[in-house]
Every structure is written in C-alpha cells, then in structure tokens.
Amino acid sequence: MGNVIKAFEDKVTGIIYYIGQDYTGERVEELTALGFLADKKKDDLSDLKLSEVKAKLDELGIEYDPKAKKQELLELLK
C-alpha cells in the first residue's frame, strides 16, 4: 500500500487518485519509483514538523494562513 503524494490517473484502471489517498493496487513499486506514491509507513504526515508541513503546502502551491495551527495545515495537505 502507498500514500499518494502526487495526483495521477491510473493508466490501467482509469481511476484518479489525489494527494493523501491510499493506493492499494498492484503497481505500488512502479508508482513509488515514479514519484506518485510514498511508503505509507514513512509518510505519516502527523510526524512532520510545522515548518515541514508549511514547506509541503508551499511546494504544492496551496495557500494557507501563516498563523494556522498544525492540525489545520495537515487537513489542507489531505
């Protein structure tokens, strides 16, 4: 199982996956290597520091209130 870190449409099933969703298909290794999935165990967002959460939001171009609490920012990532 992998955690979606970059939205994509599965070329086999046609299903669209969005950031934060779980992927349980048979192509986990391939999609992880291509940068679409992260190992679920290694990508627990709650383990991130506040600065890391903000950096991920910035990387994705998601706007947020700089005074927002960590939990609010984590919800935006999902």
N, C-alpha and C. Protein backbone atom coordinates (compact mmCIF):
# COMPACT_ATOMS: atom_id res chain seq x y z
N MET A 1 0.84 -1.17 0.00
CA MET A 1 0.00 0.00 0.00
C MET A 1 0.89 1.24 0.00
N GLY A 2 0.46 2.26 -0.70
CA GLY A 2 1.20 3.51 -0.75
C GLY A 2 0.30 4.70 -0.52
N ASN A 3 0.90 5.80 -0.14
CA ASN A 3 0.18 7.04 0.09
C ASN A 3 0.44 7.95 -1.11
N VAL A 4 -0.62 8.46 -1.72
CA VAL A 4 -0.49 9.31 -2.90
C VAL A 4 0.12 10.66 -2.49
N ILE A 5 1.24 11.01 -3.12
CA ILE A 5 1.89 12.28 -2.84
C ILE A 5 1.86 13.21 -4.06
N LYS A 6 1.38 12.69 -5.19
CA LYS A 6 1.22 13.48 -6.41
C LYS A 6 0.03 12.89 -7.15
N ALA A 7 -0.97 13.71 -7.44
CA ALA A 7 -2.19 13.23 -8.09
C ALA A 7 -1.87 12.59 -9.44
N PHE A 8 -2.63 11.54 -9.76
CA PHE A 8 -2.43 10.86 -11.04
C PHE A 8 -3.66 10.06 -11.42
N GLU A 9 -3.74 9.72 -12.70
CA GLU A 9 -4.79 8.82 -13.18
C GLU A 9 -4.12 7.49 -13.48
N ASP A 10 -4.62 6.42 -12.89
CA ASP A 10 -4.06 5.10 -13.11
C ASP A 10 -4.30 4.70 -14.56
N LYS A 11 -3.23 4.43 -15.28
CA LYS A 11 -3.34 4.11 -16.70
C LYS A 11 -4.01 2.77 -16.95
N VAL A 12 -4.04 1.91 -15.95
CA VAL A 12 -4.65 0.60 -16.09
C VAL A 12 -6.14 0.65 -15.78
N THR A 13 -6.51 1.27 -14.66
CA THR A 13 -7.91 1.29 -14.22
C THR A 13 -8.66 2.55 -14.61
N GLY A 14 -7.94 3.64 -14.88
CA GLY A 14 -8.59 4.91 -15.19
C GLY A 14 -9.03 5.68 -13.96
N ILE A 15 -8.76 5.13 -12.77
CA ILE A 15 -9.14 5.79 -11.52
C ILE A 15 -8.19 6.95 -11.25
N ILE A 16 -8.75 8.08 -10.83
CA ILE A 16 -7.93 9.25 -10.49
C ILE A 16 -7.68 9.23 -8.99
N TYR A 17 -6.41 9.35 -8.63
CA TYR A 17 -6.00 9.38 -7.22
C TYR A 17 -5.51 10.77 -6.88
N TYR A 18 -5.86 11.23 -5.68
CA TYR A 18 -5.49 12.56 -5.22
C TYR A 18 -4.56 12.46 -4.02
N ILE A 19 -3.82 13.54 -3.77
CA ILE A 19 -2.87 13.59 -2.67
C ILE A 19 -3.57 13.22 -1.36
N GLY A 20 -2.93 12.34 -0.60
CA GLY A 20 -3.45 11.92 0.69
C GLY A 20 -4.24 10.63 0.65
N GLN A 21 -4.65 10.19 -0.53
CA GLN A 21 -5.40 8.95 -0.64
C GLN A 21 -4.46 7.75 -0.53
N ASP A 22 -5.03 6.60 -0.20
CA ASP A 22 -4.28 5.36 -0.18
C ASP A 22 -4.41 4.68 -1.53
N TYR A 23 -3.31 4.11 -2.01
CA TYR A 23 -3.32 3.32 -3.24
C TYR A 23 -3.02 1.88 -2.86
N THR A 24 -3.91 0.97 -3.22
CA THR A 24 -3.72 -0.43 -2.86
C THR A 24 -3.61 -1.33 -4.08
N GLY A 25 -3.39 -0.75 -5.23
CA GLY A 25 -3.28 -1.53 -6.45
C GLY A 25 -1.98 -2.33 -6.51
N GLU A 26 -1.76 -2.94 -7.65
CA GLU A 26 -0.61 -3.83 -7.83
C GLU A 26 0.65 -3.11 -8.29
N ARG A 27 0.58 -1.81 -8.56
CA ARG A 27 1.72 -1.09 -9.13
C ARG A 27 2.41 -0.17 -8.12
N VAL A 28 2.38 -0.54 -6.85
CA VAL A 28 2.94 0.31 -5.79
C VAL A 28 4.42 0.63 -6.05
N GLU A 29 5.22 -0.39 -6.33
CA GLU A 29 6.66 -0.16 -6.55
C GLU A 29 6.90 0.77 -7.73
N GLU A 30 6.22 0.53 -8.83
CA GLU A 30 6.39 1.36 -10.04
C GLU A 30 5.99 2.81 -9.77
N LEU A 31 4.84 3.01 -9.14
CA LEU A 31 4.35 4.37 -8.89
C LEU A 31 5.18 5.09 -7.83
N THR A 32 5.74 4.34 -6.89
CA THR A 32 6.64 4.93 -5.90
C THR A 32 7.91 5.42 -6.59
N ALA A 33 8.45 4.59 -7.48
CA ALA A 33 9.67 4.95 -8.22
C ALA A 33 9.43 6.18 -9.10
N LEU A 34 8.22 6.34 -9.61
CA LEU A 34 7.88 7.48 -10.47
C LEU A 34 7.54 8.74 -9.68
N GLY A 35 7.47 8.62 -8.34
CA GLY A 35 7.23 9.79 -7.50
C GLY A 35 5.76 10.10 -7.24
N PHE A 36 4.87 9.14 -7.51
CA PHE A 36 3.45 9.36 -7.26
C PHE A 36 3.02 8.86 -5.88
N LEU A 37 3.76 7.89 -5.34
CA LEU A 37 3.42 7.30 -4.05
C LEU A 37 4.59 7.36 -3.09
N ALA A 38 4.27 7.35 -1.81
CA ALA A 38 5.28 7.23 -0.77
C ALA A 38 4.87 6.06 0.11
N ASP A 39 5.85 5.41 0.69
CA ASP A 39 5.59 4.31 1.60
C ASP A 39 4.72 4.82 2.73
N LYS A 40 3.59 4.20 2.97
CA LYS A 40 2.62 4.66 3.98
C LYS A 40 3.28 4.82 5.34
N LYS A 41 4.16 3.91 5.69
CA LYS A 41 4.81 3.96 6.99
C LYS A 41 5.78 5.13 7.09
N LYS A 42 6.42 5.47 5.99
CA LYS A 42 7.41 6.55 6.00
C LYS A 42 6.80 7.92 5.81
N ASP A 43 5.52 7.98 5.43
CA ASP A 43 4.92 9.26 5.07
C ASP A 43 3.77 9.65 5.98
N ASP A 44 3.89 9.39 7.27
CA ASP A 44 2.87 9.78 8.21
C ASP A 44 2.97 11.29 8.42
N LEU A 45 2.02 12.03 7.90
CA LEU A 45 2.08 13.49 7.93
C LEU A 45 2.09 14.06 9.34
N SER A 46 1.48 13.36 10.28
CA SER A 46 1.43 13.88 11.64
C SER A 46 2.81 13.93 12.29
N ASP A 47 3.76 13.19 11.75
CA ASP A 47 5.13 13.21 12.27
C ASP A 47 5.94 14.41 11.79
N LEU A 48 5.40 15.15 10.82
CA LEU A 48 6.12 16.30 10.28
C LEU A 48 6.13 17.46 11.26
N LYS A 49 7.19 18.24 11.22
CA LYS A 49 7.26 19.48 11.99
C LYS A 49 6.41 20.52 11.29
N LEU A 50 6.00 21.55 12.01
CA LEU A 50 5.17 22.60 11.44
C LEU A 50 5.84 23.22 10.22
N SER A 51 7.14 23.47 10.30
CA SER A 51 7.86 24.07 9.17
C SER A 51 7.85 23.14 7.96
N GLU A 52 7.89 21.83 8.19
CA GLU A 52 7.86 20.86 7.09
C GLU A 52 6.48 20.81 6.44
N VAL A 53 5.44 20.94 7.26
CA VAL A 53 4.08 20.97 6.72
C VAL A 53 3.91 22.21 5.83
N LYS A 54 4.38 23.34 6.32
CA LYS A 54 4.29 24.58 5.53
C LYS A 54 5.09 24.47 4.24
N ALA A 55 6.25 23.83 4.31
CA ALA A 55 7.08 23.66 3.10
C ALA A 55 6.35 22.80 2.07
N LYS A 56 5.66 21.73 2.52
CA LYS A 56 4.92 20.88 1.60
C LYS A 56 3.77 21.66 0.96
N LEU A 57 3.08 22.47 1.76
CA LEU A 57 1.99 23.29 1.23
C LEU A 57 2.52 24.28 0.19
N ASP A 58 3.65 24.90 0.49
CA ASP A 58 4.27 25.83 -0.45
C ASP A 58 4.63 25.12 -1.75
N GLU A 59 5.21 23.93 -1.62
CA GLU A 59 5.62 23.14 -2.78
C GLU A 59 4.43 22.80 -3.68
N LEU A 60 3.28 22.57 -3.05
CA LEU A 60 2.07 22.22 -3.80
C LEU A 60 1.28 23.44 -4.25
N GLY A 61 1.73 24.62 -3.83
CA GLY A 61 1.03 25.85 -4.23
C GLY A 61 -0.28 26.06 -3.50
N ILE A 62 -0.40 25.49 -2.32
CA ILE A 62 -1.64 25.61 -1.54
C ILE A 62 -1.50 26.80 -0.59
N GLU A 63 -2.44 27.73 -0.68
CA GLU A 63 -2.41 28.90 0.19
C GLU A 63 -2.94 28.55 1.57
N TYR A 64 -2.38 29.18 2.60
CA TYR A 64 -2.78 28.92 3.97
C TYR A 64 -2.51 30.15 4.83
N ASP A 65 -3.19 30.21 5.96
CA ASP A 65 -2.98 31.28 6.93
C ASP A 65 -1.69 30.98 7.68
N PRO A 66 -0.70 31.86 7.63
CA PRO A 66 0.58 31.60 8.32
C PRO A 66 0.42 31.40 9.82
N LYS A 67 -0.70 31.84 10.39
CA LYS A 67 -0.94 31.70 11.83
C LYS A 67 -1.76 30.44 12.15
N ALA A 68 -2.09 29.67 11.14
CA ALA A 68 -2.90 28.47 11.34
C ALA A 68 -2.15 27.45 12.18
N LYS A 69 -2.90 26.65 12.90
CA LYS A 69 -2.32 25.60 13.72
C LYS A 69 -1.94 24.41 12.84
N LYS A 70 -1.05 23.60 13.37
CA LYS A 70 -0.52 22.45 12.61
C LYS A 70 -1.65 21.54 12.10
N GLN A 71 -2.62 21.24 12.95
CA GLN A 71 -3.72 20.33 12.55
C GLN A 71 -4.50 20.91 11.38
N GLU A 72 -4.73 22.21 11.37
CA GLU A 72 -5.44 22.85 10.26
C GLU A 72 -4.64 22.73 8.96
N LEU A 73 -3.33 22.89 9.08
CA LEU A 73 -2.46 22.78 7.90
C LEU A 73 -2.40 21.34 7.39
N LEU A 74 -2.40 20.38 8.31
CA LEU A 74 -2.40 18.97 7.90
C LEU A 74 -3.67 18.63 7.14
N GLU A 75 -4.79 19.21 7.54
CA GLU A 75 -6.05 18.98 6.82
C GLU A 75 -5.96 19.50 5.39
N LEU A 76 -5.28 20.62 5.20
CA LEU A 76 -5.10 21.15 3.85
C LEU A 76 -4.28 20.20 2.99
N LEU A 77 -3.30 19.56 3.58
CA LEU A 77 -2.46 18.62 2.84
C LEU A 77 -3.26 17.40 2.39
N LYS A 78 -4.21 16.99 3.21
CA LYS A 78 -5.01 15.81 2.88
C LYS A 78 -5.98 16.13 1.77
